[in-house]
């Protein structure tokens, strides 16, 4: 049974940093595409950063390039999203997701994935 549990969200001031974690279980992380998505109030869900296991591609949406970093620790079955220089527009519920299918990271970040966590809220405000 695939399980994803996000943590690390909270309230942070503009310019601050947070690191989100996603603990995964029930599957081999080496063979799944993994991604971080977010949904702000009143807006559609959007892909933030994704990594594909089938072609080793990675993707960051333009608005987070240079500020957010995706990483993974397969030994701990955990993926991370380091978020620096946070701005108010980063406020959203952040979700971790995985998918066993083949495809590019951009594809997964555009169309979504099969399995989702419940999300963690990030609020950027002074």
Foldseek 3Di string as FASTA:
>chain_A
DKAKAKDWADEAAQQAKIKMKIAIDDDQPLQKKKFKWWDDPPGDIFTAKIAFNQVRAIDGPPVQPPFWDWDDDRVRNMIMIIGGRDDQVVWTWMKMAIANDGDHRVVCRHPHHDDIHPTDTHGYHD
